[in-house]
Amino acid sequence: MSLSLILVCSWVILAHVMAMIPSKDSHWRRAFILIVLGIPLLGFVTWQNGPWVGLICLAAGMSILRWPMYFLARWVRRQLTRSESNRV
């Protein structure tokens, strides 16, 4: 197993440990930490193991961080509908 995959497995374990600890801000600060650590790690995995493994790791990360992805999708949808309404 390559170093990048070992780091991804460690990231997943860290994410689960962080989720088990109670939080007053609904884990948002921890989610941002995981995102900041995960983006370069995803690039490292893709560089070392290829795009298919990178996409699998991206899907795994998105399933762990599903609420930030949900709110990002809502924000993008709101921005797109706002820009379309300005054109009319």
PDB file of N, CA and C in Angstrom:
ATOM      1  N   MET A   1       0.852  -1.174   0.000  1.00  0.00           N
ATOM      2  CA  MET A   1       0.000   0.000   0.000  1.00  0.00           C
ATOM      3  C   MET A   1       0.896   1.235   0.000  1.00  0.00           C
ATOM      4  N   SER A   2       0.540   2.189  -0.803  1.00  0.00           N
ATOM      5  CA  SER A   2       1.359   3.395  -0.931  1.00  0.00           C
ATOM      6  C   SER A   2       1.160   4.323   0.269  1.00  0.00           C
ATOM      7  N   LEU A   3       2.097   5.257   0.406  1.00  0.00           N
ATOM      8  CA  LEU A   3       2.044   6.207   1.512  1.00  0.00           C
ATOM      9  C   LEU A   3       0.770   7.046   1.455  1.00  0.00           C
ATOM     10  N   SER A   4       0.354   7.443   0.267  1.00  0.00           N
ATOM     11  CA  SER A   4      -0.830   8.283   0.146  1.00  0.00           C
ATOM     12  C   SER A   4      -2.092   7.543   0.603  1.00  0.00           C
ATOM     13  N   LEU A   5      -2.198   6.268   0.309  1.00  0.00           N
ATOM     14  CA  LEU A   5      -3.370   5.510   0.757  1.00  0.00           C
ATOM     15  C   LEU A   5      -3.353   5.293   2.266  1.00  0.00           C
ATOM     16  N   ILE A   6      -2.166   5.128   2.839  1.00  0.00           N
ATOM     17  CA  ILE A   6      -2.057   5.033   4.299  1.00  0.00           C
ATOM     18  C   ILE A   6      -2.508   6.345   4.940  1.00  0.00           C
ATOM     19  N   LEU A   7      -2.113   7.468   4.343  1.00  0.00           N
ATOM     20  CA  LEU A   7      -2.541   8.770   4.861  1.00  0.00           C
ATOM     21  C   LEU A   7      -4.052   8.970   4.722  1.00  0.00           C
ATOM     22  N   VAL A   8      -4.637   8.492   3.632  1.00  0.00           N
ATOM     23  CA  VAL A   8      -6.088   8.598   3.461  1.00  0.00           C
ATOM     24  C   VAL A   8      -6.807   7.756   4.515  1.00  0.00           C
ATOM     25  N   CYS A   9      -6.312   6.562   4.768  1.00  0.00           N
ATOM     26  CA  CYS A   9      -6.914   5.727   5.812  1.00  0.00           C
ATOM     27  C   CYS A   9      -6.797   6.398   7.178  1.00  0.00           C
ATOM     28  N   SER A  10      -5.678   7.050   7.437  1.00  0.00           N
ATOM     29  CA  SER A  10      -5.507   7.791   8.692  1.00  0.00           C
ATOM     30  C   SER A  10      -6.468   8.966   8.754  1.00  0.00           C
ATOM     31  N   TRP A  11      -6.690   9.638   7.617  1.00  0.00           N
ATOM     32  CA  TRP A  11      -7.637  10.754   7.559  1.00  0.00           C
ATOM     33  C   TRP A  11      -9.051  10.270   7.884  1.00  0.00           C
ATOM     34  N   VAL A  12      -9.419   9.112   7.363  1.00  0.00           N
ATOM     35  CA  VAL A  12     -10.753   8.554   7.626  1.00  0.00           C
ATOM     36  C   VAL A  12     -10.908   8.220   9.106  1.00  0.00           C
ATOM     37  N   ILE A  13      -9.882   7.619   9.689  1.00  0.00           N
ATOM     38  CA  ILE A  13      -9.938   7.301  11.120  1.00  0.00           C
ATOM     39  C   ILE A  13     -10.016   8.583  11.935  1.00  0.00           C
ATOM     40  N   LEU A  14      -9.227   9.596  11.571  1.00  0.00           N
ATOM     41  CA  LEU A  14      -9.276  10.888  12.255  1.00  0.00           C
ATOM     42  C   LEU A  14     -10.660  11.512  12.149  1.00  0.00           C
ATOM     43  N   ALA A  15     -11.279  11.419  10.991  1.00  0.00           N
ATOM     44  CA  ALA A  15     -12.622  11.976  10.803  1.00  0.00           C
ATOM     45  C   ALA A  15     -13.631  11.291  11.719  1.00  0.00           C
ATOM     46  N   HIS A  16     -13.530   9.988  11.845  1.00  0.00           N
ATOM     47  CA  HIS A  16     -14.468   9.278  12.699  1.00  0.00           C
ATOM     48  C   HIS A  16     -14.228   9.561  14.176  1.00  0.00           C
ATOM     49  N   VAL A  17     -12.982   9.693  14.566  1.00  0.00           N
ATOM     50  CA  VAL A  17     -12.684  10.042  15.957  1.00  0.00           C
ATOM     51  C   VAL A  17     -13.177  11.453  16.258  1.00  0.00           C
ATOM     52  N   MET A  18     -12.960  12.386  15.339  1.00  0.00           N
ATOM     53  CA  MET A  18     -13.432  13.753  15.535  1.00  0.00           C
ATOM     54  C   MET A  18     -14.951  13.819  15.600  1.00  0.00           C
ATOM     55  N   ALA A  19     -15.627  12.949  14.894  1.00  0.00           N
ATOM     56  CA  ALA A  19     -17.094  12.952  14.908  1.00  0.00           C
ATOM     57  C   ALA A  19     -17.648  12.407  16.224  1.00  0.00           C
ATOM     58  N   MET A  20     -16.876  11.579  16.911  1.00  0.00           N
ATOM     59  CA  MET A  20     -17.362  11.010  18.168  1.00  0.00           C
ATOM     60  C   MET A  20     -17.232  11.966  19.339  1.00  0.00           C
ATOM     61  N   ILE A  21     -16.392  12.990  19.215  1.00  0.00           N
ATOM     62  CA  ILE A  21     -16.188  13.948  20.296  1.00  0.00           C
ATOM     63  C   ILE A  21     -17.285  15.002  20.227  1.00  0.00           C
ATOM     64  N   PRO A  22     -17.963  15.289  21.353  1.00  0.00           N
ATOM     65  CA  PRO A  22     -19.025  16.304  21.334  1.00  0.00           C
ATOM     66  C   PRO A  22     -18.486  17.679  20.928  1.00  0.00           C
ATOM     67  N   SER A  23     -19.360  18.453  20.289  1.00  0.00           N
ATOM     68  CA  SER A  23     -18.967  19.762  19.793  1.00  0.00           C
ATOM     69  C   SER A  23     -20.106  20.754  19.973  1.00  0.00           C
ATOM     70  N   LYS A  24     -19.761  22.003  20.277  1.00  0.00           N
ATOM     71  CA  LYS A  24     -20.781  23.044  20.442  1.00  0.00           C
ATOM     72  C   LYS A  24     -21.174  23.689  19.123  1.00  0.00           C
ATOM     73  N   ASP A  25     -20.305  23.617  18.121  1.00  0.00           N
ATOM     74  CA  ASP A  25     -20.606  24.262  16.847  1.00  0.00           C
ATOM     75  C   ASP A  25     -21.041  23.258  15.780  1.00  0.00           C
ATOM     76  N   SER A  26     -21.613  22.147  16.203  1.00  0.00           N
ATOM     77  CA  SER A  26     -22.107  21.103  15.305  1.00  0.00           C
ATOM     78  C   SER A  26     -21.017  20.564  14.389  1.00  0.00           C
ATOM     79  N   HIS A  27     -19.784  20.514  14.865  1.00  0.00           N
ATOM     80  CA  HIS A  27     -18.646  19.921  14.169  1.00  0.00           C
ATOM     81  C   HIS A  27     -18.188  20.699  12.937  1.00  0.00           C
ATOM     82  N   TRP A  28     -18.617  21.931  12.744  1.00  0.00           N
ATOM     83  CA  TRP A  28     -18.232  22.676  11.552  1.00  0.00           C
ATOM     84  C   TRP A  28     -16.748  22.997  11.541  1.00  0.00           C
ATOM     85  N   ARG A  29     -16.192  23.380  12.699  1.00  0.00           N
ATOM     86  CA  ARG A  29     -14.761  23.692  12.758  1.00  0.00           C
ATOM     87  C   ARG A  29     -13.946  22.461  12.392  1.00  0.00           C
ATOM     88  N   ARG A  30     -14.364  21.315  12.867  1.00  0.00           N
ATOM     89  CA  ARG A  30     -13.655  20.074  12.549  1.00  0.00           C
ATOM     90  C   ARG A  30     -13.814  19.698  11.076  1.00  0.00           C
ATOM     91  N   ALA A  31     -14.971  19.994  10.521  1.00  0.00           N
ATOM     92  CA  ALA A  31     -15.182  19.720   9.096  1.00  0.00           C
ATOM     93  C   ALA A  31     -14.247  20.575   8.250  1.00  0.00           C
ATOM     94  N   PHE A  32     -14.063  21.841   8.627  1.00  0.00           N
ATOM     95  CA  PHE A  32     -13.149  22.706   7.880  1.00  0.00           C
ATOM     96  C   PHE A  32     -11.708  22.209   7.987  1.00  0.00           C
ATOM     97  N   ILE A  33     -11.321  21.714   9.167  1.00  0.00           N
ATOM     98  CA  ILE A  33      -9.983  21.143   9.335  1.00  0.00           C
ATOM     99  C   ILE A  33      -9.815  19.935   8.428  1.00  0.00           C
ATOM    100  N   LEU A  34     -10.825  19.072   8.382  1.00  0.00           N
ATOM    101  CA  LEU A  34     -10.745  17.885   7.524  1.00  0.00           C
ATOM    102  C   LEU A  34     -10.693  18.261   6.045  1.00  0.00           C
ATOM    103  N   ILE A  35     -11.407  19.298   5.664  1.00  0.00           N
ATOM    104  CA  ILE A  35     -11.377  19.742   4.268  1.00  0.00           C
ATOM    105  C   ILE A  35      -9.994  20.283   3.913  1.00  0.00           C
ATOM    106  N   VAL A  36      -9.421  21.093   4.818  1.00  0.00           N
ATOM    107  CA  VAL A  36      -8.094  21.664   4.570  1.00  0.00           C
ATOM    108  C   VAL A  36      -7.038  20.561   4.480  1.00  0.00           C
ATOM    109  N   LEU A  37      -7.164  19.529   5.287  1.00  0.00           N
ATOM    110  CA  LEU A  37      -6.221  18.409   5.213  1.00  0.00           C
ATOM    111  C   LEU A  37      -6.513  17.499   4.022  1.00  0.00           C
ATOM    112  N   GLY A  38      -7.784  17.376   3.662  1.00  0.00           N
ATOM    113  CA  GLY A  38      -8.178  16.411   2.646  1.00  0.00           C
ATOM    114  C   GLY A  38      -7.900  16.824   1.220  1.00  0.00           C
ATOM    115  N   ILE A  39      -7.966  18.103   0.911  1.00  0.00           N
ATOM    116  CA  ILE A  39      -7.766  18.549  -0.471  1.00  0.00           C
ATOM    117  C   ILE A  39      -6.354  18.244  -0.969  1.00  0.00           C
ATOM    118  N   PRO A  40      -5.298  18.636  -0.233  1.00  0.00           N
ATOM    119  CA  PRO A  40      -3.969  18.261  -0.739  1.00  0.00           C
ATOM    120  C   PRO A  40      -3.723  16.752  -0.694  1.00  0.00           C
ATOM    121  N   LEU A  41      -4.324  16.087   0.278  1.00  0.00           N
ATOM    122  CA  LEU A  41      -4.186  14.637   0.365  1.00  0.00           C
ATOM    123  C   LEU A  41      -4.834  13.960  -0.841  1.00  0.00           C
ATOM    124  N   LEU A  42      -5.959  14.484  -1.281  1.00  0.00           N
ATOM    125  CA  LEU A  42      -6.618  13.947  -2.468  1.00  0.00           C
ATOM    126  C   LEU A  42      -5.759  14.142  -3.721  1.00  0.00           C
ATOM    127  N   GLY A  43      -5.105  15.290  -3.818  1.00  0.00           N
ATOM    128  CA  GLY A  43      -4.189  15.509  -4.928  1.00  0.00           C
ATOM    129  C   GLY A  43      -3.004  14.555  -4.893  1.00  0.00           C
ATOM    130  N   PHE A  44      -2.493  14.294  -3.692  1.00  0.00           N
ATOM    131  CA  PHE A  44      -1.376  13.365  -3.533  1.00  0.00           C
ATOM    132  C   PHE A  44      -1.779  11.947  -3.921  1.00  0.00           C
ATOM    133  N   VAL A  45      -2.980  11.539  -3.512  1.00  0.00           N
ATOM    134  CA  VAL A  45      -3.476  10.200  -3.875  1.00  0.00           C
ATOM    135  C   VAL A  45      -3.634  10.090  -5.384  1.00  0.00           C
ATOM    136  N   THR A  46      -4.193  11.101  -5.996  1.00  0.00           N
ATOM    137  CA  THR A  46      -4.406  11.074  -7.440  1.00  0.00           C
ATOM    138  C   THR A  46      -3.076  11.059  -8.188  1.00  0.00           C
ATOM    139  N   TRP A  47      -2.121  11.833  -7.712  1.00  0.00           N
ATOM    140  CA  TRP A  47      -0.810  11.870  -8.352  1.00  0.00           C
ATOM    141  C   TRP A  47      -0.088  10.528  -8.220  1.00  0.00           C
ATOM    142  N   GLN A  48      -0.204   9.893  -7.051  1.00  0.00           N
ATOM    143  CA  GLN A  48       0.552   8.675  -6.808  1.00  0.00           C
ATOM    144  C   GLN A  48      -0.142   7.416  -7.332  1.00  0.00           C
ATOM    145  N   ASN A  49      -1.485   7.388  -7.329  1.00  0.00           N
ATOM    146  CA  ASN A  49      -2.200   6.157  -7.664  1.00  0.00           C
ATOM    147  C   ASN A  49      -3.091   6.251  -8.892  1.00  0.00           C
ATOM    148  N   GLY A  50      -3.250   7.429  -9.446  1.00  0.00           N
ATOM    149  CA  GLY A  50      -4.061   7.565 -10.649  1.00  0.00           C
ATOM    150  C   GLY A  50      -5.431   8.155 -10.372  1.00  0.00           C
ATOM    151  N   PRO A  51      -6.116   8.560 -11.448  1.00  0.00           N
ATOM    152  CA  PRO A  51      -7.388   9.266 -11.284  1.00  0.00           C
ATOM    153  C   PRO A  51      -8.527   8.405 -10.739  1.00  0.00           C
ATOM    154  N   TRP A  52      -8.547   7.118 -11.037  1.00  0.00           N
ATOM    155  CA  TRP A  52      -9.650   6.287 -10.544  1.00  0.00           C
ATOM    156  C   TRP A  52      -9.601   6.126  -9.033  1.00  0.00           C
ATOM    157  N   VAL A  53      -8.415   5.912  -8.504  1.00  0.00           N
ATOM    158  CA  VAL A  53      -8.269   5.809  -7.049  1.00  0.00           C
ATOM    159  C   VAL A  53      -8.567   7.167  -6.421  1.00  0.00           C
ATOM    160  N   GLY A  54      -8.148   8.246  -7.094  1.00  0.00           N
ATOM    161  CA  GLY A  54      -8.471   9.588  -6.604  1.00  0.00           C
ATOM    162  C   GLY A  54      -9.966   9.837  -6.552  1.00  0.00           C
ATOM    163  N   LEU A  55     -10.704   9.383  -7.568  1.00  0.00           N
ATOM    164  CA  LEU A  55     -12.163   9.545  -7.558  1.00  0.00           C
ATOM    165  C   LEU A  55     -12.824   8.711  -6.460  1.00  0.00           C
ATOM    166  N   ILE A  56     -12.290   7.528  -6.208  1.00  0.00           N
ATOM    167  CA  ILE A  56     -12.826   6.698  -5.126  1.00  0.00           C
ATOM    168  C   ILE A  56     -12.596   7.378  -3.781  1.00  0.00           C
ATOM    169  N   CYS A  57     -11.408   7.938  -3.599  1.00  0.00           N
ATOM    170  CA  CYS A  57     -11.122   8.646  -2.351  1.00  0.00           C
ATOM    171  C   CYS A  57     -11.962   9.923  -2.236  1.00  0.00           C
ATOM    172  N   LEU A  58     -12.200  10.596  -3.350  1.00  0.00           N
ATOM    173  CA  LEU A  58     -13.074  11.774  -3.341  1.00  0.00           C
ATOM    174  C   LEU A  58     -14.485  11.387  -2.922  1.00  0.00           C
ATOM    175  N   ALA A  59     -15.001  10.296  -3.450  1.00  0.00           N
ATOM    176  CA  ALA A  59     -16.344   9.837  -3.068  1.00  0.00           C
ATOM    177  C   ALA A  59     -16.389   9.463  -1.589  1.00  0.00           C
ATOM    178  N   ALA A  60     -15.334   8.837  -1.089  1.00  0.00           N
ATOM    179  CA  ALA A  60     -15.292   8.486   0.333  1.00  0.00           C
ATOM    180  C   ALA A  60     -15.276   9.739   1.197  1.00  0.00           C
ATOM    181  N   GLY A  61     -14.482  10.727   0.807  1.00  0.00           N
ATOM    182  CA  GLY A  61     -14.438  11.972   1.563  1.00  0.00           C
ATOM    183  C   GLY A  61     -15.747  12.728   1.516  1.00  0.00           C
ATOM    184  N   MET A  62     -16.404  12.716   0.356  1.00  0.00           N
ATOM    185  CA  MET A  62     -17.691  13.393   0.241  1.00  0.00           C
ATOM    186  C   MET A  62     -18.762  12.692   1.066  1.00  0.00           C
ATOM    187  N   SER A  63     -18.670  11.372   1.213  1.00  0.00           N
ATOM    188  CA  SER A  63     -19.656  10.681   2.039  1.00  0.00           C
ATOM    189  C   SER A  63     -19.428  10.966   3.518  1.00  0.00           C
ATOM    190  N   ILE A  64     -18.179  11.181   3.908  1.00  0.00           N
ATOM    191  CA  ILE A  64     -17.898  11.529   5.299  1.00  0.00           C
ATOM    192  C   ILE A  64     -18.311  12.967   5.571  1.00  0.00           C
ATOM    193  N   LEU A  65     -18.027  13.865   4.656  1.00  0.00           N
ATOM    194  CA  LEU A  65     -18.344  15.289   4.816  1.00  0.00           C
ATOM    195  C   LEU A  65     -19.594  15.648   4.016  1.00  0.00           C
ATOM    196  N   ARG A  66     -20.653  14.889   4.197  1.00  0.00           N
ATOM    197  CA  ARG A  66     -21.840  15.081   3.365  1.00  0.00           C
ATOM    198  C   ARG A  66     -22.570  16.379   3.672  1.00  0.00           C
ATOM    199  N   TRP A  67     -22.579  16.878   4.907  1.00  0.00           N
ATOM    200  CA  TRP A  67     -23.291  18.122   5.189  1.00  0.00           C
ATOM    201  C   TRP A  67     -22.609  19.333   4.578  1.00  0.00           C
ATOM    202  N   PRO A  68     -21.290  19.461   4.654  1.00  0.00           N
ATOM    203  CA  PRO A  68     -20.686  20.583   3.913  1.00  0.00           C
ATOM    204  C   PRO A  68     -20.952  20.504   2.413  1.00  0.00           C
ATOM    205  N   MET A  69     -20.982  19.295   1.857  1.00  0.00           N
ATOM    206  CA  MET A  69     -21.290  19.151   0.436  1.00  0.00           C
ATOM    207  C   MET A  69     -22.739  19.545   0.143  1.00  0.00           C
ATOM    208  N   TYR A  70     -23.633  19.194   1.048  1.00  0.00           N
ATOM    209  CA  TYR A  70     -25.044  19.552   0.879  1.00  0.00           C
ATOM    210  C   TYR A  70     -25.208  21.072   0.873  1.00  0.00           C
ATOM    211  N   PHE A  71     -24.559  21.758   1.821  1.00  0.00           N
ATOM    212  CA  PHE A  71     -24.681  23.211   1.881  1.00  0.00           C
ATOM    213  C   PHE A  71     -23.955  23.885   0.717  1.00  0.00           C
ATOM    214  N   LEU A  72     -22.861  23.303   0.238  1.00  0.00           N
ATOM    215  CA  LEU A  72     -22.190  23.837  -0.938  1.00  0.00           C
ATOM    216  C   LEU A  72     -23.090  23.723  -2.166  1.00  0.00           C
ATOM    217  N   ALA A  73     -23.767  22.590  -2.314  1.00  0.00           N
ATOM    218  CA  ALA A  73     -24.680  22.407  -3.453  1.00  0.00           C
ATOM    219  C   ALA A  73     -25.839  23.397  -3.380  1.00  0.00           C
ATOM    220  N   ARG A  74     -26.363  23.637  -2.178  1.00  0.00           N
ATOM    221  CA  ARG A  74     -27.435  24.629  -2.032  1.00  0.00           C
ATOM    222  C   ARG A  74     -26.959  26.023  -2.395  1.00  0.00           C
ATOM    223  N   TRP A  75     -25.739  26.380  -1.975  1.00  0.00           N
ATOM    224  CA  TRP A  75     -25.199  27.693  -2.269  1.00  0.00           C
ATOM    225  C   TRP A  75     -24.987  27.872  -3.772  1.00  0.00           C
ATOM    226  N   VAL A  76     -24.427  26.853  -4.427  1.00  0.00           N
ATOM    227  CA  VAL A  76     -24.198  26.932  -5.878  1.00  0.00           C
ATOM    228  C   VAL A  76     -25.522  27.046  -6.617  1.00  0.00           C
ATOM    229  N   ARG A  77     -26.516  26.270  -6.213  1.00  0.00           N
ATOM    230  CA  ARG A  77     -27.827  26.344  -6.858  1.00  0.00           C
ATOM    231  C   ARG A  77     -28.441  27.726  -6.682  1.00  0.00           C
ATOM    232  N   ARG A  78     -28.296  28.307  -5.487  1.00  0.00           N
ATOM    233  CA  ARG A  78     -28.829  29.640  -5.229  1.00  0.00           C
ATOM    234  C   ARG A  78     -28.106  30.685  -6.083  1.00  0.00           C
ATOM    235  N   GLN A  79     -26.782  30.543  -6.238  1.00  0.00           N
ATOM    236  CA  GLN A  79     -26.024  31.486  -7.066  1.00  0.00           C
ATOM    237  C   GLN A  79     -26.425  31.377  -8.535  1.00  0.00           C
ATOM    238  N   LEU A  80     -26.648  30.167  -9.000  1.00  0.00           N
ATOM    239  CA  LEU A  80     -27.029  29.986 -10.403  1.00  0.00           C
ATOM    240  C   LEU A  80     -28.419  30.527 -10.681  1.00  0.00           C
ATOM    241  N   THR A  81     -29.360  30.299  -9.783  1.00  0.00           N
ATOM    242  CA  THR A  81     -30.706  30.822 -10.007  1.00  0.00           C
ATOM    243  C   THR A  81     -30.724  32.338  -9.880  1.00  0.00           C
ATOM    244  N   ARG A  82     -29.891  32.898  -9.029  1.00  0.00           N
ATOM    245  CA  ARG A  82     -29.824  34.358  -8.898  1.00  0.00           C
ATOM    246  C   ARG A  82     -29.254  34.973 -10.172  1.00  0.00           C
ATOM    247  N   SER A  83     -28.236  34.348 -10.758  1.00  0.00           N
ATOM    248  CA  SER A  83     -27.650  34.903 -11.972  1.00  0.00           C
ATOM    249  C   SER A  83     -28.598  34.743 -13.163  1.00  0.00           C
ATOM    250  N   GLU A  84     -29.390  33.686 -13.203  1.00  0.00           N
ATOM    251  CA  GLU A  84     -30.362  33.508 -14.278  1.00  0.00           C
ATOM    252  C   GLU A  84     -31.497  34.506 -14.169  1.00  0.00           C
ATOM    253  N   SER A  85     -31.897  34.841 -12.939  1.00  0.00           N
ATOM    254  CA  SER A  85     -32.983  35.813 -12.784  1.00  0.00           C
ATOM    255  C   SER A  85     -32.520  37.223 -13.141  1.00  0.00           C
ATOM    256  N   ASN A  86     -31.223  37.501 -13.024  1.00  0.00           N
ATOM    257  CA  ASN A  86     -30.693  38.814 -13.420  1.00  0.00           C
ATOM    258  C   ASN A  86     -30.636  38.978 -14.934  1.00  0.00           C
ATOM    259  N   ARG A  87     -30.571  37.888 -15.663  1.00  0.00           N
ATOM    260  CA  ARG A  87     -30.489  37.964 -17.121  1.00  0.00           C
ATOM    261  C   ARG A  87     -31.838  38.302 -17.751  1.00  0.00           C
ATOM    262  N   VAL A  88     -32.903  37.924 -17.112  1.00  0.00           N
ATOM    263  CA  VAL A  88     -34.240  38.093 -17.699  1.00  0.00           C
ATOM    264  C   VAL A  88     -34.713  39.495 -17.593  1.00  0.00           C
TER     265      VAL A  88
END
